[in-house]
C-alpha atoms as a PDB file:
ATOM      1  CA  MET A   1      22.498 -31.802  16.849  1.00  0.00           C
ATOM      2  CA  SER A   2      25.901 -31.951  18.531  1.00  0.00           C
ATOM      3  CA  GLY A   3      26.417 -33.555  21.928  1.00  0.00           C
ATOM      4  CA  VAL A   4      23.414 -35.875  21.597  1.00  0.00           C
ATOM      5  CA  ASP A   5      23.913 -39.559  20.949  1.00  0.00           C
ATOM      6  CA  GLY A   6      20.952 -40.641  18.844  1.00  0.00           C
ATOM      7  CA  ALA A   7      21.451 -44.232  19.933  1.00  0.00           C
ATOM      8  CA  GLN A   8      20.802 -43.356  23.574  1.00  0.00           C
ATOM      9  CA  PRO A   9      17.226 -42.752  24.682  1.00  0.00           C
ATOM     10  CA  LEU A  10      16.326 -39.325  26.029  1.00  0.00           C
ATOM     11  CA  ALA A  11      13.554 -38.361  28.413  1.00  0.00           C
ATOM     12  CA  ALA A  12      11.631 -35.155  28.977  1.00  0.00           C
ATOM     13  CA  LEU A  13       9.774 -34.378  32.160  1.00  0.00           C
ATOM     14  CA  VAL A  14       6.851 -32.072  31.346  1.00  0.00           C
ATOM     15  CA  PRO A  15       4.974 -30.616  34.326  1.00  0.00           C
ATOM     16  CA  ILE A  16       1.238 -30.503  33.759  1.00  0.00           C
ATOM     17  CA  ASP A  17       0.521 -26.925  34.768  1.00  0.00           C
ATOM     18  CA  ALA A  18      -0.565 -23.690  33.105  1.00  0.00           C
ATOM     19  CA  ASP A  19       2.523 -23.842  30.847  1.00  0.00           C
ATOM     20  CA  GLY A  20       2.177 -27.568  30.092  1.00  0.00           C
ATOM     21  CA  LEU A  21       0.977 -27.088  26.517  1.00  0.00           C
ATOM     22  CA  ASP A  22       3.866 -24.728  25.746  1.00  0.00           C
ATOM     23  CA  ARG A  23       6.317 -27.246  27.178  1.00  0.00           C
ATOM     24  CA  ALA A  24       4.768 -30.139  25.246  1.00  0.00           C
ATOM     25  CA  GLU A  25       5.051 -28.101  22.039  1.00  0.00           C
ATOM     26  CA  ALA A  26       8.713 -27.385  22.805  1.00  0.00           C
ATOM     27  CA  VAL A  27       9.392 -31.097  23.343  1.00  0.00           C
ATOM     28  CA  THR A  28       7.687 -31.894  20.025  1.00  0.00           C
ATOM     29  CA  ARG A  29       9.864 -29.308  18.265  1.00  0.00           C
ATOM     30  CA  LEU A  30      12.995 -30.754  19.910  1.00  0.00           C
ATOM     31  CA  LEU A  31      12.034 -34.304  18.951  1.00  0.00           C
ATOM     32  CA  LYS A  32      11.503 -33.291  15.319  1.00  0.00           C
ATOM     33  CA  ALA A  33      14.875 -31.511  15.260  1.00  0.00           C
ATOM     34  CA  LEU A  34      16.647 -34.517  16.787  1.00  0.00           C
ATOM     35  CA  HIS A  35      15.190 -36.805  14.123  1.00  0.00           C
ATOM     36  CA  GLY A  36      15.975 -34.472  11.243  1.00  0.00           C
ATOM     37  CA  ARG A  37      12.349 -33.655  10.500  1.00  0.00           C
ATOM     38  CA  VAL A  38      11.004 -30.280   9.493  1.00  0.00           C
ATOM     39  CA  VAL A  39      10.507 -28.161  12.600  1.00  0.00           C
ATOM     40  CA  PRO A  40       7.341 -26.060  12.266  1.00  0.00           C
ATOM     41  CA  HIS A  41       7.533 -22.282  12.452  1.00  0.00           C
ATOM     42  CA  ASP A  42       7.480 -20.996  16.018  1.00  0.00           C
ATOM     43  CA  ALA A  43       4.496 -18.659  16.210  1.00  0.00           C
ATOM     44  CA  ARG A  44       5.059 -17.426  19.769  1.00  0.00           C
ATOM     45  CA  LEU A  45       6.656 -14.182  18.584  1.00  0.00           C
ATOM     46  CA  THR A  46       5.737 -11.956  15.690  1.00  0.00           C
ATOM     47  CA  GLY A  47       8.402 -10.547  13.398  1.00  0.00           C
ATOM     48  CA  GLN A  48       8.171  -7.229  15.214  1.00  0.00           C
ATOM     49  CA  GLN A  49       8.667  -8.898  18.598  1.00  0.00           C
ATOM     50  CA  LEU A  50      11.694 -10.801  17.287  1.00  0.00           C
ATOM     51  CA  ARG A  51      13.250  -7.566  15.968  1.00  0.00           C
ATOM     52  CA  ARG A  52      12.646  -5.809  19.287  1.00  0.00           C
ATOM     53  CA  ALA A  53      14.169  -8.710  21.232  1.00  0.00           C
ATOM     54  CA  ARG A  54      17.237  -8.609  18.963  1.00  0.00           C
ATOM     55  CA  HIS A  55      17.523  -4.830  19.427  1.00  0.00           C
ATOM     56  CA  MET A  56      17.211  -5.222  23.208  1.00  0.00           C
ATOM     57  CA  LEU A  57      20.120  -7.644  23.326  1.00  0.00           C
ATOM     58  CA  GLN A  58      22.209  -5.511  20.968  1.00  0.00           C
ATOM     59  CA  ALA A  59      21.524  -2.437  23.109  1.00  0.00           C
ATOM     60  CA  VAL A  60      22.522  -4.249  26.309  1.00  0.00           C
ATOM     61  CA  ASP A  61      25.674  -5.563  24.626  1.00  0.00           C
ATOM     62  CA  GLY A  62      26.539  -2.023  23.569  1.00  0.00           C
ATOM     63  CA  ARG A  63      26.032  -0.601  27.069  1.00  0.00           C
ATOM     64  CA  THR A  64      28.026  -3.453  28.589  1.00  0.00           C
ATOM     65  CA  ASP A  65      30.862  -2.591  26.201  1.00  0.00           C
ATOM     66  CA  GLY A  66      30.710   1.081  27.251  1.00  0.00           C
ATOM     67  CA  ALA A  67      28.776   2.553  24.321  1.00  0.00           C
ATOM     68  CA  SER A  68      26.673   5.658  24.903  1.00  0.00           C
ATOM     69  CA  TYR A  69      22.958   5.640  24.184  1.00  0.00           C
ATOM     70  CA  ARG A  70      23.632   7.788  21.133  1.00  0.00           C
ATOM     71  CA  GLU A  71      26.248   5.350  19.791  1.00  0.00           C
ATOM     72  CA  ILE A  72      23.807   2.487  20.259  1.00  0.00           C
ATOM     73  CA  ALA A  73      21.088   4.448  18.446  1.00  0.00           C
ATOM     74  CA  GLU A  74      23.449   5.124  15.545  1.00  0.00           C
ATOM     75  CA  ILE A  75      24.145   1.398  15.200  1.00  0.00           C
ATOM     76  CA  LEU A  76      20.510   0.338  15.508  1.00  0.00           C
ATOM     77  CA  PHE A  77      18.827   3.136  13.538  1.00  0.00           C
ATOM     78  CA  GLY A  78      21.584   4.704  11.441  1.00  0.00           C
ATOM     79  CA  VAL A  79      23.709   7.827  11.869  1.00  0.00           C
ATOM     80  CA  ARG A  80      21.572   9.925   9.529  1.00  0.00           C
ATOM     81  CA  ARG A  81      18.317   9.182  11.372  1.00  0.00           C
ATOM     82  CA  VAL A  82      19.917   9.966  14.747  1.00  0.00           C
ATOM     83  CA  SER A  83      21.484  13.211  13.522  1.00  0.00           C
ATOM     84  CA  ASP A  84      18.167  14.440  12.065  1.00  0.00           C
ATOM     85  CA  GLN A  85      16.861  15.340  15.553  1.00  0.00           C
ATOM     86  CA  PRO A  86      18.260  17.080  18.615  1.00  0.00           C
ATOM     87  CA  TRP A  87      19.523  14.171  20.740  1.00  0.00           C
ATOM     88  CA  LYS A  88      18.334  15.363  24.170  1.00  0.00           C
ATOM     89  CA  THR A  89      14.697  15.448  23.024  1.00  0.00           C
ATOM     90  CA  SER A  90      14.874  12.634  20.480  1.00  0.00           C
ATOM     91  CA  ALA A  91      12.341   9.821  20.572  1.00  0.00           C
ATOM     92  CA  LEU A  92      15.186   7.515  19.529  1.00  0.00           C
ATOM     93  CA  ARG A  93      17.002   8.371  22.769  1.00  0.00           C
ATOM     94  CA  ASP A  94      13.989   7.231  24.772  1.00  0.00           C
ATOM     95  CA  THR A  95      13.657   4.132  22.603  1.00  0.00           C
ATOM     96  CA  VAL A  96      17.274   3.112  23.220  1.00  0.00           C
ATOM     97  CA  LYS A  97      16.908   3.663  26.968  1.00  0.00           C
ATOM     98  CA  ASP A  98      13.794   1.474  26.935  1.00  0.00           C
ATOM     99  CA  LEU A  99      15.588  -1.194  24.909  1.00  0.00           C
ATOM    100  CA  VAL A 100      18.455  -1.306  27.413  1.00  0.00           C
ATOM    101  CA  ARG A 101      16.070  -1.418  30.384  1.00  0.00           C
ATOM    102  CA  ASP A 102      13.905  -4.142  28.844  1.00  0.00           C
ATOM    103  CA  GLY A 103      16.953  -6.086  27.637  1.00  0.00           C
ATOM    104  CA  LEU A 104      18.373  -6.152  31.145  1.00  0.00           C
ATOM    105  CA  ALA A 105      15.016  -7.381  32.459  1.00  0.00           C
ATOM    106  CA  MET A 106      15.009 -10.108  29.814  1.00  0.00           C
ATOM    107  CA  ILE A 107      18.509 -11.207  30.794  1.00  0.00           C
ATOM    108  CA  GLN A 108      17.487 -11.305  34.461  1.00  0.00           C
ATOM    109  CA  GLY A 109      14.798 -13.916  33.798  1.00  0.00           C
ATOM    110  CA  GLY A 110      12.222 -12.125  31.690  1.00  0.00           C
ATOM    111  CA  TYR A 111      13.247 -14.210  28.676  1.00  0.00           C
ATOM    112  CA  ARG A 112      10.969 -16.922  30.043  1.00  0.00           C
ATOM    113  CA  GLN A 113       8.024 -14.836  28.854  1.00  0.00           C
ATOM    114  CA  LEU A 114       9.249 -15.406  25.288  1.00  0.00           C
ATOM    115  CA  LEU A 115       8.682 -19.130  25.725  1.00  0.00           C
ATOM    116  CA  ARG A 116       4.988 -18.802  26.490  1.00  0.00           C
ATOM    117  CA  HIS A 117       2.073 -18.346  24.150  1.00  0.00           C
ATOM    118  CA  ARG A 118      -0.125 -15.411  25.022  1.00  0.00           C
ATOM    119  CA  ARG A 119      -3.305 -16.449  26.759  1.00  0.00           C
ATOM    120  CA  ARG A 120      -6.541 -14.701  27.472  1.00  0.00           C
ATOM    121  CA  SER A 121      -7.060 -14.001  31.153  1.00  0.00           C
END
């Protein structure tokens, strides 16, 4: 890991609250990475959730760069799939709008939800 001097001790302050177990797990993962050990698979997100998060950020990047919703859809889902349906009533159009909206929410602090395990109420 760059920027960390392994000879110098590090400390982690872990608040003991509702997210304490998630934080302790994150510290354990960091410690293993710092010592070159195998870091266990992070099970907080499913493969589908990871793909959606990636698509959200790609969609926001596209909008930030001035791309239309249709152009974003063509990149994410392919030109052929987008052209198979009338754009104004396409489910892909709604999907891209949702991805941009949810991506912006993630950027504005919602990403913290990704760091938590789901819990029963």
